[in-house]
Amino acid sequence: MTTTTLPTTALGMDGLEVGAQGLGCMGISEFYGPSDLDESRATLDRALELGITLFDTADIYGSGHNEEFLSDFVRANREQVVLATKFGIVRKADDPAFRGFDNSPDYIRESVDGSLRRLGIDVIDLYYMHRRDVRVPIEETVAVMAELVAAGKVRALGLSEVTGAELRAAHAVHPIAAVQSEWSLFSRDVERSAVPAAAELGVAFVPYSPLGRGFLTGSFATAGELAGRDFRKAMPRFSGDNAARNAALLAPVHSIAAARGVTPAQVALAWVHARSDAHGLPVVPIPGTRSRTRLAENVAAATLALTADELATLEPIAEQVAGNRYADMSFTSAGRE
């Protein structure tokens, strides 16, 4: 296997050791247009060669397809792969746009068994509550998740899109290894309470969409450039006047990239990796890609150190971003703070 300089880090106190960058697998199954499944499988293999060990999926991605697709790869590399999946978002077969939330005990128990079956494995390494169902106290949700650890179905627990107060309440019931939330040059609301709480408790942070859903790479400038049923078309930041204003904010990213001889994506990812030292906690971003070329580019960013001056140049970007992360922010941590 090819050697790599990708550093490793631990998820939580005395937790799972993983490469300092993971791979988000959602786009293989849906949301970002059609996929070449052969190239996607080759990308998984190459990720492992480059030192990526954390592979992230969820039962909602492709309504189970993503877990099923990953199954052969995970089982073939079980000693190396740290597999993360999630429960908590509910879909309806007859209404593709519907999103509900369920953290009830029976739903959690059904969900973990379904994920284990689709993945073809005996234990999930990291099991996330994908979204908070505010009808259920988070302490009750985590108590049921802790039962899954005791039963040997799950190794470690994670939470997604929680506030600092919710993380503290959950951690008091059972140690939380990781929090997964959106965190990028364009999205820094997690720094208000979730990141400080994670640092205080020894919890790792796993930023999803660290490349601003591709916008920070410069691969598209408006939602109108996106093909097919790409779900980014419905996101406020990529439409109309917001898209134009936000595209202009990328100038310093492109300037630094040109001066350093790297890509804008690498600058954006290097900024996320730098959050580890800035906030004093493990940070393991999970950029999603279905391409071996983009994968290698992303991994190289893990060891790209930005200077203090470059970080200062990038600092003001987030506060100038136009539009919310989602059209409906109520199911995010920011929507509850």
C-alpha atoms as a PDB file:
ATOM      1  CA  MET A   1       0.000   0.000   0.000  1.00  0.00           C
ATOM      2  CA  THR A   2       1.238   3.482  -0.870  1.00  0.00           C
ATOM      3  CA  THR A   3       2.796   5.361   2.042  1.00  0.00           C
ATOM      4  CA  THR A   4       1.332   8.722   2.959  1.00  0.00           C
ATOM      5  CA  THR A   5       2.057  11.741   5.070  1.00  0.00           C
ATOM      6  CA  LEU A   6      -1.593  12.170   6.079  1.00  0.00           C
ATOM      7  CA  PRO A   7      -1.467  12.689   9.858  1.00  0.00           C
ATOM      8  CA  THR A   8      -3.712  10.757  12.213  1.00  0.00           C
ATOM      9  CA  THR A   9      -5.818  11.922  15.126  1.00  0.00           C
ATOM     10  CA  ALA A  10      -8.250  10.482  17.654  1.00  0.00           C
ATOM     11  CA  LEU A  11     -12.007  10.912  17.755  1.00  0.00           C
ATOM     12  CA  GLY A  12     -12.848  11.742  21.346  1.00  0.00           C
ATOM     13  CA  MET A  13     -10.902  10.979  24.508  1.00  0.00           C
ATOM     14  CA  ASP A  14      -8.996   7.725  23.937  1.00  0.00           C
ATOM     15  CA  GLY A  15     -11.174   7.243  20.872  1.00  0.00           C
ATOM     16  CA  LEU A  16     -10.933   5.800  17.385  1.00  0.00           C
ATOM     17  CA  GLU A  17      -7.769   6.745  15.512  1.00  0.00           C
ATOM     18  CA  VAL A  18      -8.383   8.048  12.004  1.00  0.00           C
ATOM     19  CA  GLY A  19      -6.606   9.883   9.233  1.00  0.00           C
ATOM     20  CA  ALA A  20      -6.836  13.643   9.732  1.00  0.00           C
ATOM     21  CA  GLN A  21      -9.094  13.891   6.686  1.00  0.00           C
ATOM     22  CA  GLY A  22     -12.034  11.627   5.924  1.00  0.00           C
ATOM     23  CA  LEU A  23     -14.227  11.017   2.900  1.00  0.00           C
ATOM     24  CA  GLY A  24     -17.878  12.054   2.679  1.00  0.00           C
ATOM     25  CA  CYS A  25     -19.644   9.447   0.551  1.00  0.00           C
ATOM     26  CA  MET A  26     -23.109  11.032   0.200  1.00  0.00           C
ATOM     27  CA  GLY A  27     -22.624  12.293  -3.353  1.00  0.00           C
ATOM     28  CA  ILE A  28     -21.996   8.797  -4.682  1.00  0.00           C
ATOM     29  CA  SER A  29     -25.688   8.021  -4.311  1.00  0.00           C
ATOM     30  CA  GLU A  30     -27.547  11.310  -4.881  1.00  0.00           C
ATOM     31  CA  PHE A  31     -27.819  15.058  -4.315  1.00  0.00           C
ATOM     32  CA  TYR A  32     -24.953  16.157  -6.596  1.00  0.00           C
ATOM     33  CA  GLY A  33     -26.058  14.779  -9.947  1.00  0.00           C
ATOM     34  CA  PRO A  34     -25.259  11.424 -11.595  1.00  0.00           C
ATOM     35  CA  SER A  35     -22.327   9.262 -10.465  1.00  0.00           C
ATOM     36  CA  ASP A  36     -19.947   6.892 -12.203  1.00  0.00           C
ATOM     37  CA  LEU A  37     -20.071   4.016  -9.716  1.00  0.00           C
ATOM     38  CA  ASP A  38     -16.899   2.384 -11.077  1.00  0.00           C
ATOM     39  CA  GLU A  39     -14.946   5.605 -10.562  1.00  0.00           C
ATOM     40  CA  SER A  40     -16.550   6.018  -7.143  1.00  0.00           C
ATOM     41  CA  ARG A  41     -15.359   2.558  -6.087  1.00  0.00           C
ATOM     42  CA  ALA A  42     -11.868   3.308  -7.404  1.00  0.00           C
ATOM     43  CA  THR A  43     -11.947   6.528  -5.389  1.00  0.00           C
ATOM     44  CA  LEU A  44     -12.717   4.591  -2.209  1.00  0.00           C
ATOM     45  CA  ASP A  45      -9.743   2.301  -2.824  1.00  0.00           C
ATOM     46  CA  ARG A  46      -7.452   5.230  -3.553  1.00  0.00           C
ATOM     47  CA  ALA A  47      -8.612   7.050  -0.424  1.00  0.00           C
ATOM     48  CA  LEU A  48      -7.455   4.162   1.722  1.00  0.00           C
ATOM     49  CA  GLU A  49      -4.094   4.134  -0.074  1.00  0.00           C
ATOM     50  CA  LEU A  50      -3.662   7.840   0.699  1.00  0.00           C
ATOM     51  CA  GLY A  51      -4.275   7.374   4.413  1.00  0.00           C
ATOM     52  CA  ILE A  52      -7.986   8.178   4.653  1.00  0.00           C
ATOM     53  CA  THR A  53      -9.618   5.771   7.078  1.00  0.00           C
ATOM     54  CA  LEU A  54     -12.837   7.575   8.108  1.00  0.00           C
ATOM     55  CA  PHE A  55     -15.623   6.954   5.581  1.00  0.00           C
ATOM     56  CA  ASP A  56     -18.897   8.765   6.207  1.00  0.00           C
ATOM     57  CA  THR A  57     -22.373   7.694   5.121  1.00  0.00           C
ATOM     58  CA  ALA A  58     -25.972   7.732   6.449  1.00  0.00           C
ATOM     59  CA  ASP A  59     -29.091   5.630   6.085  1.00  0.00           C
ATOM     60  CA  ILE A  60     -30.783   8.530   4.268  1.00  0.00           C
ATOM     61  CA  TYR A  61     -28.231   8.773   1.441  1.00  0.00           C
ATOM     62  CA  GLY A  62     -29.898   7.218  -1.567  1.00  0.00           C
ATOM     63  CA  SER A  63     -32.483   5.795   0.852  1.00  0.00           C
ATOM     64  CA  GLY A  64     -30.058   3.054   1.846  1.00  0.00           C
ATOM     65  CA  HIS A  65     -28.145   2.808  -1.438  1.00  0.00           C
ATOM     66  CA  ASN A  66     -25.028   4.496  -0.070  1.00  0.00           C
ATOM     67  CA  GLU A  67     -24.626   2.009   2.764  1.00  0.00           C
ATOM     68  CA  GLU A  68     -25.236  -0.880   0.372  1.00  0.00           C
ATOM     69  CA  PHE A  69     -22.688   0.502  -2.100  1.00  0.00           C
ATOM     70  CA  LEU A  70     -20.053   0.841   0.619  1.00  0.00           C
ATOM     71  CA  SER A  71     -20.653  -2.659   1.958  1.00  0.00           C
ATOM     72  CA  ASP A  72     -18.180  -4.594  -0.216  1.00  0.00           C
ATOM     73  CA  PHE A  73     -15.451  -1.998   0.281  1.00  0.00           C
ATOM     74  CA  VAL A  74     -15.922  -1.836   4.051  1.00  0.00           C
ATOM     75  CA  ARG A  75     -15.969  -5.601   4.500  1.00  0.00           C
ATOM     76  CA  ALA A  76     -12.903  -6.065   2.286  1.00  0.00           C
ATOM     77  CA  ASN A  77     -10.953  -3.530   4.367  1.00  0.00           C
ATOM     78  CA  ARG A  78     -12.584  -3.961   7.748  1.00  0.00           C
ATOM     79  CA  GLU A  79      -9.395  -3.705   9.814  1.00  0.00           C
ATOM     80  CA  GLN A  80      -8.492  -0.328   8.308  1.00  0.00           C
ATOM     81  CA  VAL A  81     -11.847   1.375   7.706  1.00  0.00           C
ATOM     82  CA  VAL A  82     -13.545   3.455  10.392  1.00  0.00           C
ATOM     83  CA  LEU A  83     -17.140   3.502   9.206  1.00  0.00           C
ATOM     84  CA  ALA A  84     -19.489   6.289  10.292  1.00  0.00           C
ATOM     85  CA  THR A  85     -23.210   6.240   9.585  1.00  0.00           C
ATOM     86  CA  LYS A  86     -26.261   8.038  10.942  1.00  0.00           C
ATOM     87  CA  PHE A  87     -29.928   7.856  11.905  1.00  0.00           C
ATOM     88  CA  GLY A  88     -32.584  10.474  12.526  1.00  0.00           C
ATOM     89  CA  ILE A  89     -33.768  11.868   9.176  1.00  0.00           C
ATOM     90  CA  VAL A  90     -36.925  10.307   7.769  1.00  0.00           C
ATOM     91  CA  ARG A  91     -37.936  10.258   4.097  1.00  0.00           C
ATOM     92  CA  LYS A  92     -41.098   9.210   2.260  1.00  0.00           C
ATOM     93  CA  ALA A  93     -40.932   7.067  -0.860  1.00  0.00           C
ATOM     94  CA  ASP A  94     -43.883   8.920  -2.417  1.00  0.00           C
ATOM     95  CA  ASP A  95     -42.543  12.392  -1.571  1.00  0.00           C
ATOM     96  CA  PRO A  96     -38.816  12.775  -2.384  1.00  0.00           C
ATOM     97  CA  ALA A  97     -38.693  16.313  -0.987  1.00  0.00           C
ATOM     98  CA  PHE A  98     -40.031  15.322   2.447  1.00  0.00           C
ATOM     99  CA  ARG A  99     -37.658  15.421   5.416  1.00  0.00           C
ATOM    100  CA  GLY A 100     -38.818  14.509   8.903  1.00  0.00           C
ATOM    101  CA  PHE A 101     -36.888  13.801  12.088  1.00  0.00           C
ATOM    102  CA  ASP A 102     -37.194  10.896  14.506  1.00  0.00           C
ATOM    103  CA  ASN A 103     -35.038  10.240  17.575  1.00  0.00           C
ATOM    104  CA  SER A 104     -37.498   7.923  19.292  1.00  0.00           C
ATOM    105  CA  PRO A 105     -36.100   4.765  20.949  1.00  0.00           C
ATOM    106  CA  ASP A 106     -37.869   2.311  18.643  1.00  0.00           C
ATOM    107  CA  TYR A 107     -36.753   4.225  15.560  1.00  0.00           C
ATOM    108  CA  ILE A 108     -33.117   4.257  16.708  1.00  0.00           C
ATOM    109  CA  ARG A 109     -33.134   0.514  17.351  1.00  0.00           C
ATOM    110  CA  GLU A 110     -34.709  -0.204  13.970  1.00  0.00           C
ATOM    111  CA  SER A 111     -32.289   2.137  12.233  1.00  0.00           C
ATOM    112  CA  VAL A 112     -29.108   0.623  13.620  1.00  0.00           C
ATOM    113  CA  ASP A 113     -30.212  -2.874  12.641  1.00  0.00           C
ATOM    114  CA  GLY A 114     -31.093  -1.650   9.155  1.00  0.00           C
ATOM    115  CA  SER A 115     -27.697  -0.006   8.720  1.00  0.00           C
ATOM    116  CA  LEU A 116     -25.845  -3.081   9.960  1.00  0.00           C
ATOM    117  CA  ARG A 117     -27.793  -5.239   7.508  1.00  0.00           C
ATOM    118  CA  ARG A 118     -27.160  -2.975   4.510  1.00  0.00           C
ATOM    119  CA  LEU A 119     -23.468  -2.606   5.381  1.00  0.00           C
ATOM    120  CA  GLY A 120     -23.044  -6.309   6.035  1.00  0.00           C
ATOM    121  CA  ILE A 121     -21.020  -5.746   9.212  1.00  0.00           C
ATOM    122  CA  ASP A 122     -21.412  -6.621  12.890  1.00  0.00           C
ATOM    123  CA  VAL A 123     -20.537  -3.261  14.443  1.00  0.00           C
ATOM    124  CA  ILE A 124     -20.651   0.390  13.368  1.00  0.00           C
ATOM    125  CA  ASP A 125     -17.526   2.287  14.376  1.00  0.00           C
ATOM    126  CA  LEU A 126     -19.139   5.732  14.781  1.00  0.00           C
ATOM    127  CA  TYR A 127     -22.924   6.157  14.974  1.00  0.00           C
ATOM    128  CA  TYR A 128     -24.341   9.668  14.664  1.00  0.00           C
ATOM    129  CA  MET A 129     -27.646  11.217  15.550  1.00  0.00           C
ATOM    130  CA  HIS A 130     -28.032  12.893  12.145  1.00  0.00           C
ATOM    131  CA  ARG A 131     -30.420  15.620  13.274  1.00  0.00           C
ATOM    132  CA  ARG A 132     -32.008  16.572  16.570  1.00  0.00           C
ATOM    133  CA  ASP A 133     -35.673  15.701  17.003  1.00  0.00           C
ATOM    134  CA  VAL A 134     -36.640  18.390  19.521  1.00  0.00           C
ATOM    135  CA  ARG A 135     -39.673  16.372  20.636  1.00  0.00           C
ATOM    136  CA  VAL A 136     -37.291  13.938  22.362  1.00  0.00           C
ATOM    137  CA  PRO A 137     -34.935  15.086  25.143  1.00  0.00           C
ATOM    138  CA  ILE A 138     -31.387  14.598  23.910  1.00  0.00           C
ATOM    139  CA  GLU A 139     -30.535  12.756  27.130  1.00  0.00           C
ATOM    140  CA  GLU A 140     -33.114  10.077  26.211  1.00  0.00           C
ATOM    141  CA  THR A 141     -31.757   9.779  22.688  1.00  0.00           C
ATOM    142  CA  VAL A 142     -28.179   9.318  23.873  1.00  0.00           C
ATOM    143  CA  ALA A 143     -29.255   6.829  26.545  1.00  0.00           C
ATOM    144  CA  VAL A 144     -30.664   4.601  23.795  1.00  0.00           C
ATOM    145  CA  MET A 145     -27.510   5.106  21.702  1.00  0.00           C
ATOM    146  CA  ALA A 146     -25.473   4.062  24.753  1.00  0.00           C
ATOM    147  CA  GLU A 147     -27.472   0.826  24.845  1.00  0.00           C
ATOM    148  CA  LEU A 148     -26.213   0.110  21.326  1.00  0.00           C
ATOM    149  CA  VAL A 149     -22.622   0.474  22.558  1.00  0.00           C
ATOM    150  CA  ALA A 150     -23.319  -1.900  25.456  1.00  0.00           C
ATOM    151  CA  ALA A 151     -24.884  -4.380  23.008  1.00  0.00           C
ATOM    152  CA  GLY A 152     -21.778  -4.318  20.812  1.00  0.00           C
ATOM    153  CA  LYS A 153     -23.571  -2.864  17.780  1.00  0.00           C
ATOM    154  CA  VAL A 154     -21.760   0.482  17.935  1.00  0.00           C
ATOM    155  CA  ARG A 155     -18.240   1.445  19.064  1.00  0.00           C
ATOM    156  CA  ALA A 156     -18.525   5.219  19.510  1.00  0.00           C
ATOM    157  CA  LEU A 157     -21.247   7.869  19.467  1.00  0.00           C
ATOM    158  CA  GLY A 158     -21.533  11.081  17.483  1.00  0.00           C
ATOM    159  CA  LEU A 159     -23.965  13.963  17.099  1.00  0.00           C
ATOM    160  CA  SER A 160     -24.651  16.173  14.098  1.00  0.00           C
ATOM    161  CA  GLU A 161     -25.815  19.797  14.098  1.00  0.00           C
ATOM    162  CA  VAL A 162     -26.051  20.234  17.868  1.00  0.00           C
ATOM    163  CA  THR A 163     -25.519  23.308  20.015  1.00  0.00           C
ATOM    164  CA  GLY A 164     -22.925  23.504  22.755  1.00  0.00           C
ATOM    165  CA  ALA A 165     -25.605  23.056  25.422  1.00  0.00           C
ATOM    166  CA  GLU A 166     -26.990  19.979  23.657  1.00  0.00           C
ATOM    167  CA  LEU A 167     -23.511  18.492  23.390  1.00  0.00           C
ATOM    168  CA  ARG A 168     -22.859  19.000  27.095  1.00  0.00           C
ATOM    169  CA  ALA A 169     -26.190  17.386  28.016  1.00  0.00           C
ATOM    170  CA  ALA A 170     -25.496  14.426  25.747  1.00  0.00           C
ATOM    171  CA  HIS A 171     -21.908  13.968  26.922  1.00  0.00           C
ATOM    172  CA  ALA A 172     -23.103  13.775  30.526  1.00  0.00           C
ATOM    173  CA  VAL A 173     -25.067  10.635  29.605  1.00  0.00           C
ATOM    174  CA  HIS A 174     -22.387   8.907  27.511  1.00  0.00           C
ATOM    175  CA  PRO A 175     -19.063  10.102  26.083  1.00  0.00           C
ATOM    176  CA  ILE A 176     -19.465  11.652  22.635  1.00  0.00           C
ATOM    177  CA  ALA A 177     -16.576  11.001  20.254  1.00  0.00           C
ATOM    178  CA  ALA A 178     -17.388  13.501  17.517  1.00  0.00           C
ATOM    179  CA  VAL A 179     -19.692  16.298  16.438  1.00  0.00           C
ATOM    180  CA  GLN A 180     -20.379  16.640  12.725  1.00  0.00           C
ATOM    181  CA  SER A 181     -21.616  19.983  11.449  1.00  0.00           C
ATOM    182  CA  GLU A 182     -21.050  22.270   8.494  1.00  0.00           C
ATOM    183  CA  TRP A 183     -17.850  24.281   8.970  1.00  0.00           C
ATOM    184  CA  SER A 184     -15.987  26.178   6.269  1.00  0.00           C
ATOM    185  CA  LEU A 185     -14.739  29.598   5.231  1.00  0.00           C
ATOM    186  CA  PHE A 186     -18.388  30.372   4.423  1.00  0.00           C
ATOM    187  CA  SER A 187     -20.012  28.710   7.477  1.00  0.00           C
ATOM    188  CA  ARG A 188     -18.695  29.467  10.947  1.00  0.00           C
ATOM    189  CA  ASP A 189     -21.817  29.535  13.123  1.00  0.00           C
ATOM    190  CA  VAL A 190     -20.573  26.394  14.957  1.00  0.00           C
ATOM    191  CA  GLU A 191     -17.848  28.514  16.540  1.00  0.00           C
ATOM    192  CA  ARG A 192     -20.436  30.238  18.736  1.00  0.00           C
ATOM    193  CA  SER A 193     -21.071  27.337  21.120  1.00  0.00           C
ATOM    194  CA  ALA A 194     -20.550  23.865  19.608  1.00  0.00           C
ATOM    195  CA  VAL A 195     -16.822  24.175  18.944  1.00  0.00           C
ATOM    196  CA  PRO A 196     -15.954  25.637  22.381  1.00  0.00           C
ATOM    197  CA  ALA A 197     -17.994  22.901  24.071  1.00  0.00           C
ATOM    198  CA  ALA A 198     -16.318  20.187  22.005  1.00  0.00           C
ATOM    199  CA  ALA A 199     -12.867  21.553  22.864  1.00  0.00           C
ATOM    200  CA  GLU A 200     -13.773  21.676  26.551  1.00  0.00           C
ATOM    201  CA  LEU A 201     -15.063  18.081  26.569  1.00  0.00           C
ATOM    202  CA  GLY A 202     -12.360  16.498  24.416  1.00  0.00           C
ATOM    203  CA  VAL A 203     -14.744  15.837  21.528  1.00  0.00           C
ATOM    204  CA  ALA A 204     -13.485  15.824  17.937  1.00  0.00           C
ATOM    205  CA  PHE A 205     -15.121  17.951  15.253  1.00  0.00           C
ATOM    206  CA  VAL A 206     -15.924  16.528  11.816  1.00  0.00           C
ATOM    207  CA  PRO A 207     -16.752  19.376   9.398  1.00  0.00           C
ATOM    208  CA  TYR A 208     -19.057  18.423   6.567  1.00  0.00           C
ATOM    209  CA  SER A 209     -19.175  20.540   3.400  1.00  0.00           C
ATOM    210  CA  PRO A 210     -15.757  22.045   4.186  1.00  0.00           C
ATOM    211  CA  LEU A 211     -15.619  23.244   0.583  1.00  0.00           C
ATOM    212  CA  GLY A 212     -18.951  25.058   0.821  1.00  0.00           C
ATOM    213  CA  ARG A 213     -20.662  22.327  -1.246  1.00  0.00           C
ATOM    214  CA  GLY A 214     -18.151  22.956  -4.019  1.00  0.00           C
ATOM    215  CA  PHE A 215     -18.664  26.730  -4.191  1.00  0.00           C
ATOM    216  CA  LEU A 216     -15.296  27.451  -2.565  1.00  0.00           C
ATOM    217  CA  THR A 217     -13.519  25.486  -5.296  1.00  0.00           C
ATOM    218  CA  GLY A 218     -14.778  27.856  -7.986  1.00  0.00           C
ATOM    219  CA  SER A 219     -16.302  24.925  -9.877  1.00  0.00           C
ATOM    220  CA  PHE A 220     -19.597  26.804 -10.197  1.00  0.00           C
ATOM    221  CA  ALA A 221     -20.653  30.400  -9.618  1.00  0.00           C
ATOM    222  CA  THR A 222     -24.460  30.152  -9.632  1.00  0.00           C
ATOM    223  CA  ALA A 223     -27.060  27.449  -9.104  1.00  0.00           C
ATOM    224  CA  GLY A 224     -28.022  27.820 -12.758  1.00  0.00           C
ATOM    225  CA  GLU A 225     -24.761  26.127 -13.738  1.00  0.00           C
ATOM    226  CA  LEU A 226     -25.662  22.948 -11.850  1.00  0.00           C
ATOM    227  CA  ALA A 227     -27.030  20.012 -13.814  1.00  0.00           C
ATOM    228  CA  GLY A 228     -30.076  17.830 -13.236  1.00  0.00           C
ATOM    229  CA  ARG A 229     -31.674  17.474  -9.826  1.00  0.00           C
ATOM    230  CA  ASP A 230     -28.751  18.909  -7.890  1.00  0.00           C
ATOM    231  CA  PHE A 231     -30.092  19.859  -4.460  1.00  0.00           C
ATOM    232  CA  ARG A 232     -27.818  22.915  -4.269  1.00  0.00           C
ATOM    233  CA  LYS A 233     -30.237  24.662  -6.624  1.00  0.00           C
ATOM    234  CA  ALA A 234     -32.528  25.211  -3.638  1.00  0.00           C
ATOM    235  CA  MET A 235     -29.854  26.676  -1.381  1.00  0.00           C
ATOM    236  CA  PRO A 236     -30.050  30.445  -0.807  1.00  0.00           C
ATOM    237  CA  ARG A 237     -26.304  31.076  -1.093  1.00  0.00           C
ATOM    238  CA  PHE A 238     -26.118  29.868  -4.676  1.00  0.00           C
ATOM    239  CA  SER A 239     -29.048  31.731  -6.177  1.00  0.00           C
ATOM    240  CA  GLY A 240     -29.631  35.209  -7.595  1.00  0.00           C
ATOM    241  CA  ASP A 241     -27.882  38.185  -6.073  1.00  0.00           C
ATOM    242  CA  ASN A 242     -26.528  36.039  -3.230  1.00  0.00           C
ATOM    243  CA  ALA A 243     -24.506  33.925  -5.654  1.00  0.00           C
ATOM    244  CA  ALA A 244     -22.908  36.965  -7.259  1.00  0.00           C
ATOM    245  CA  ARG A 245     -22.038  38.536  -3.912  1.00  0.00           C
ATOM    246  CA  ASN A 246     -20.593  35.293  -2.584  1.00  0.00           C
ATOM    247  CA  ALA A 247     -18.555  34.587  -5.710  1.00  0.00           C
ATOM    248  CA  ALA A 248     -16.855  37.960  -5.221  1.00  0.00           C
ATOM    249  CA  LEU A 249     -15.800  36.890  -1.717  1.00  0.00           C
ATOM    250  CA  LEU A 250     -13.590  34.191  -3.216  1.00  0.00           C
ATOM    251  CA  ALA A 251     -11.020  36.712  -4.513  1.00  0.00           C
ATOM    252  CA  PRO A 252      -8.600  36.294  -1.566  1.00  0.00           C
ATOM    253  CA  VAL A 253      -8.892  32.505  -1.785  1.00  0.00           C
ATOM    254  CA  HIS A 254      -7.901  32.614  -5.454  1.00  0.00           C
ATOM    255  CA  SER A 255      -5.131  35.113  -4.735  1.00  0.00           C
ATOM    256  CA  ILE A 256      -3.549  32.930  -2.044  1.00  0.00           C
ATOM    257  CA  ALA A 257      -3.918  29.851  -4.230  1.00  0.00           C
ATOM    258  CA  ALA A 258      -2.147  31.523  -7.143  1.00  0.00           C
ATOM    259  CA  ALA A 259       0.673  32.779  -4.945  1.00  0.00           C
ATOM    260  CA  ARG A 260       1.210  29.359  -3.350  1.00  0.00           C
ATOM    261  CA  GLY A 261       0.823  27.319  -6.540  1.00  0.00           C
ATOM    262  CA  VAL A 262      -2.135  25.360  -5.158  1.00  0.00           C
ATOM    263  CA  THR A 263      -5.856  25.249  -5.902  1.00  0.00           C
ATOM    264  CA  PRO A 264      -8.602  27.307  -4.238  1.00  0.00           C
ATOM    265  CA  ALA A 265     -10.018  24.048  -2.858  1.00  0.00           C
ATOM    266  CA  GLN A 266      -6.721  23.326  -1.132  1.00  0.00           C
ATOM    267  CA  VAL A 267      -6.648  26.779   0.432  1.00  0.00           C
ATOM    268  CA  ALA A 268     -10.211  26.362   1.704  1.00  0.00           C
ATOM    269  CA  LEU A 269      -9.464  22.918   3.134  1.00  0.00           C
ATOM    270  CA  ALA A 270      -6.183  24.041   4.679  1.00  0.00           C
ATOM    271  CA  TRP A 271      -8.149  26.761   6.491  1.00  0.00           C
ATOM    272  CA  VAL A 272     -10.471  24.107   7.959  1.00  0.00           C
ATOM    273  CA  HIS A 273      -7.526  21.966   9.060  1.00  0.00           C
ATOM    274  CA  ALA A 274      -6.041  25.046  10.724  1.00  0.00           C
ATOM    275  CA  ARG A 275      -9.119  25.236  12.974  1.00  0.00           C
ATOM    276  CA  SER A 276      -7.599  22.403  15.017  1.00  0.00           C
ATOM    277  CA  ASP A 277      -4.811  24.610  16.345  1.00  0.00           C
ATOM    278  CA  ALA A 278      -7.023  27.704  16.424  1.00  0.00           C
ATOM    279  CA  HIS A 279      -9.588  26.083  18.714  1.00  0.00           C
ATOM    280  CA  GLY A 280      -7.611  23.318  20.417  1.00  0.00           C
ATOM    281  CA  LEU A 281      -9.461  20.199  19.303  1.00  0.00           C
ATOM    282  CA  PRO A 282      -9.128  17.441  16.676  1.00  0.00           C
ATOM    283  CA  VAL A 283     -10.675  18.523  13.371  1.00  0.00           C
ATOM    284  CA  VAL A 284     -11.297  15.896  10.669  1.00  0.00           C
ATOM    285  CA  PRO A 285     -13.011  17.408   7.615  1.00  0.00           C
ATOM    286  CA  ILE A 286     -14.844  15.026   5.280  1.00  0.00           C
ATOM    287  CA  PRO A 287     -14.897  16.609   1.812  1.00  0.00           C
ATOM    288  CA  GLY A 288     -16.947  14.525  -0.575  1.00  0.00           C
ATOM    289  CA  THR A 289     -15.662  13.547  -3.985  1.00  0.00           C
ATOM    290  CA  ARG A 290     -16.255  10.820  -6.545  1.00  0.00           C
ATOM    291  CA  SER A 291     -13.002  11.500  -8.404  1.00  0.00           C
ATOM    292  CA  ARG A 292      -9.519  10.145  -7.672  1.00  0.00           C
ATOM    293  CA  THR A 293      -7.989  13.361  -9.002  1.00  0.00           C
ATOM    294  CA  ARG A 294      -9.986  15.583  -6.643  1.00  0.00           C
ATOM    295  CA  LEU A 295      -9.321  13.145  -3.826  1.00  0.00           C
ATOM    296  CA  ALA A 296      -5.542  13.484  -4.140  1.00  0.00           C
ATOM    297  CA  GLU A 297      -5.917  17.268  -4.294  1.00  0.00           C
ATOM    298  CA  ASN A 298      -7.976  17.272  -1.103  1.00  0.00           C
ATOM    299  CA  VAL A 299      -5.596  15.014   0.811  1.00  0.00           C
ATOM    300  CA  ALA A 300      -2.635  17.240  -0.068  1.00  0.00           C
ATOM    301  CA  ALA A 301      -4.408  20.126   1.671  1.00  0.00           C
ATOM    302  CA  ALA A 302      -4.149  18.352   5.027  1.00  0.00           C
ATOM    303  CA  THR A 303      -0.469  19.231   5.221  1.00  0.00           C
ATOM    304  CA  LEU A 304      -0.693  22.682   3.623  1.00  0.00           C
ATOM    305  CA  ALA A 305       0.106  25.216   6.337  1.00  0.00           C
ATOM    306  CA  LEU A 306      -1.288  28.691   5.783  1.00  0.00           C
ATOM    307  CA  THR A 307       0.679  31.619   7.168  1.00  0.00           C
ATOM    308  CA  ALA A 308      -0.646  33.983   9.817  1.00  0.00           C
ATOM    309  CA  ASP A 309      -1.029  36.683   7.175  1.00  0.00           C
ATOM    310  CA  GLU A 310      -2.970  34.346   4.882  1.00  0.00           C
ATOM    311  CA  LEU A 311      -5.276  33.301   7.712  1.00  0.00           C
ATOM    312  CA  ALA A 312      -5.854  36.963   8.571  1.00  0.00           C
ATOM    313  CA  THR A 313      -6.755  37.679   4.938  1.00  0.00           C
ATOM    314  CA  LEU A 314      -9.357  34.893   4.988  1.00  0.00           C
ATOM    315  CA  GLU A 315     -10.779  35.782   8.414  1.00  0.00           C
ATOM    316  CA  PRO A 316     -13.465  38.328   7.316  1.00  0.00           C
ATOM    317  CA  ILE A 317     -15.061  36.165   4.605  1.00  0.00           C
ATOM    318  CA  ALA A 318     -17.700  34.300   6.611  1.00  0.00           C
ATOM    319  CA  GLU A 319     -19.342  37.396   8.103  1.00  0.00           C
ATOM    320  CA  GLN A 320     -19.909  38.780   4.594  1.00  0.00           C
ATOM    321  CA  VAL A 321     -21.608  35.696   3.137  1.00  0.00           C
ATOM    322  CA  ALA A 322     -25.100  36.338   1.754  1.00  0.00           C
ATOM    323  CA  GLY A 323     -27.818  33.775   2.437  1.00  0.00           C
ATOM    324  CA  ASN A 324     -28.294  30.963   4.931  1.00  0.00           C
ATOM    325  CA  ARG A 325     -26.811  27.484   4.666  1.00  0.00           C
ATOM    326  CA  TYR A 326     -30.287  26.034   4.101  1.00  0.00           C
ATOM    327  CA  ALA A 327     -33.615  27.564   3.143  1.00  0.00           C
ATOM    328  CA  ASP A 328     -34.934  26.215   6.470  1.00  0.00           C
ATOM    329  CA  MET A 329     -32.411  26.593   9.280  1.00  0.00           C
ATOM    330  CA  SER A 330     -34.680  25.265  12.025  1.00  0.00           C
ATOM    331  CA  PHE A 331     -33.101  21.795  11.998  1.00  0.00           C
ATOM    332  CA  THR A 332     -29.542  23.110  12.397  1.00  0.00           C
ATOM    333  CA  SER A 333     -27.653  24.048  15.538  1.00  0.00           C
ATOM    334  CA  ALA A 334     -27.699  27.701  14.437  1.00  0.00           C
ATOM    335  CA  GLY A 335     -31.478  27.556  14.205  1.00  0.00           C
ATOM    336  CA  ARG A 336     -31.722  26.634  17.890  1.00  0.00           C
ATOM    337  CA  GLU A 337     -29.222  29.098  19.325  1.00  0.00           C
END
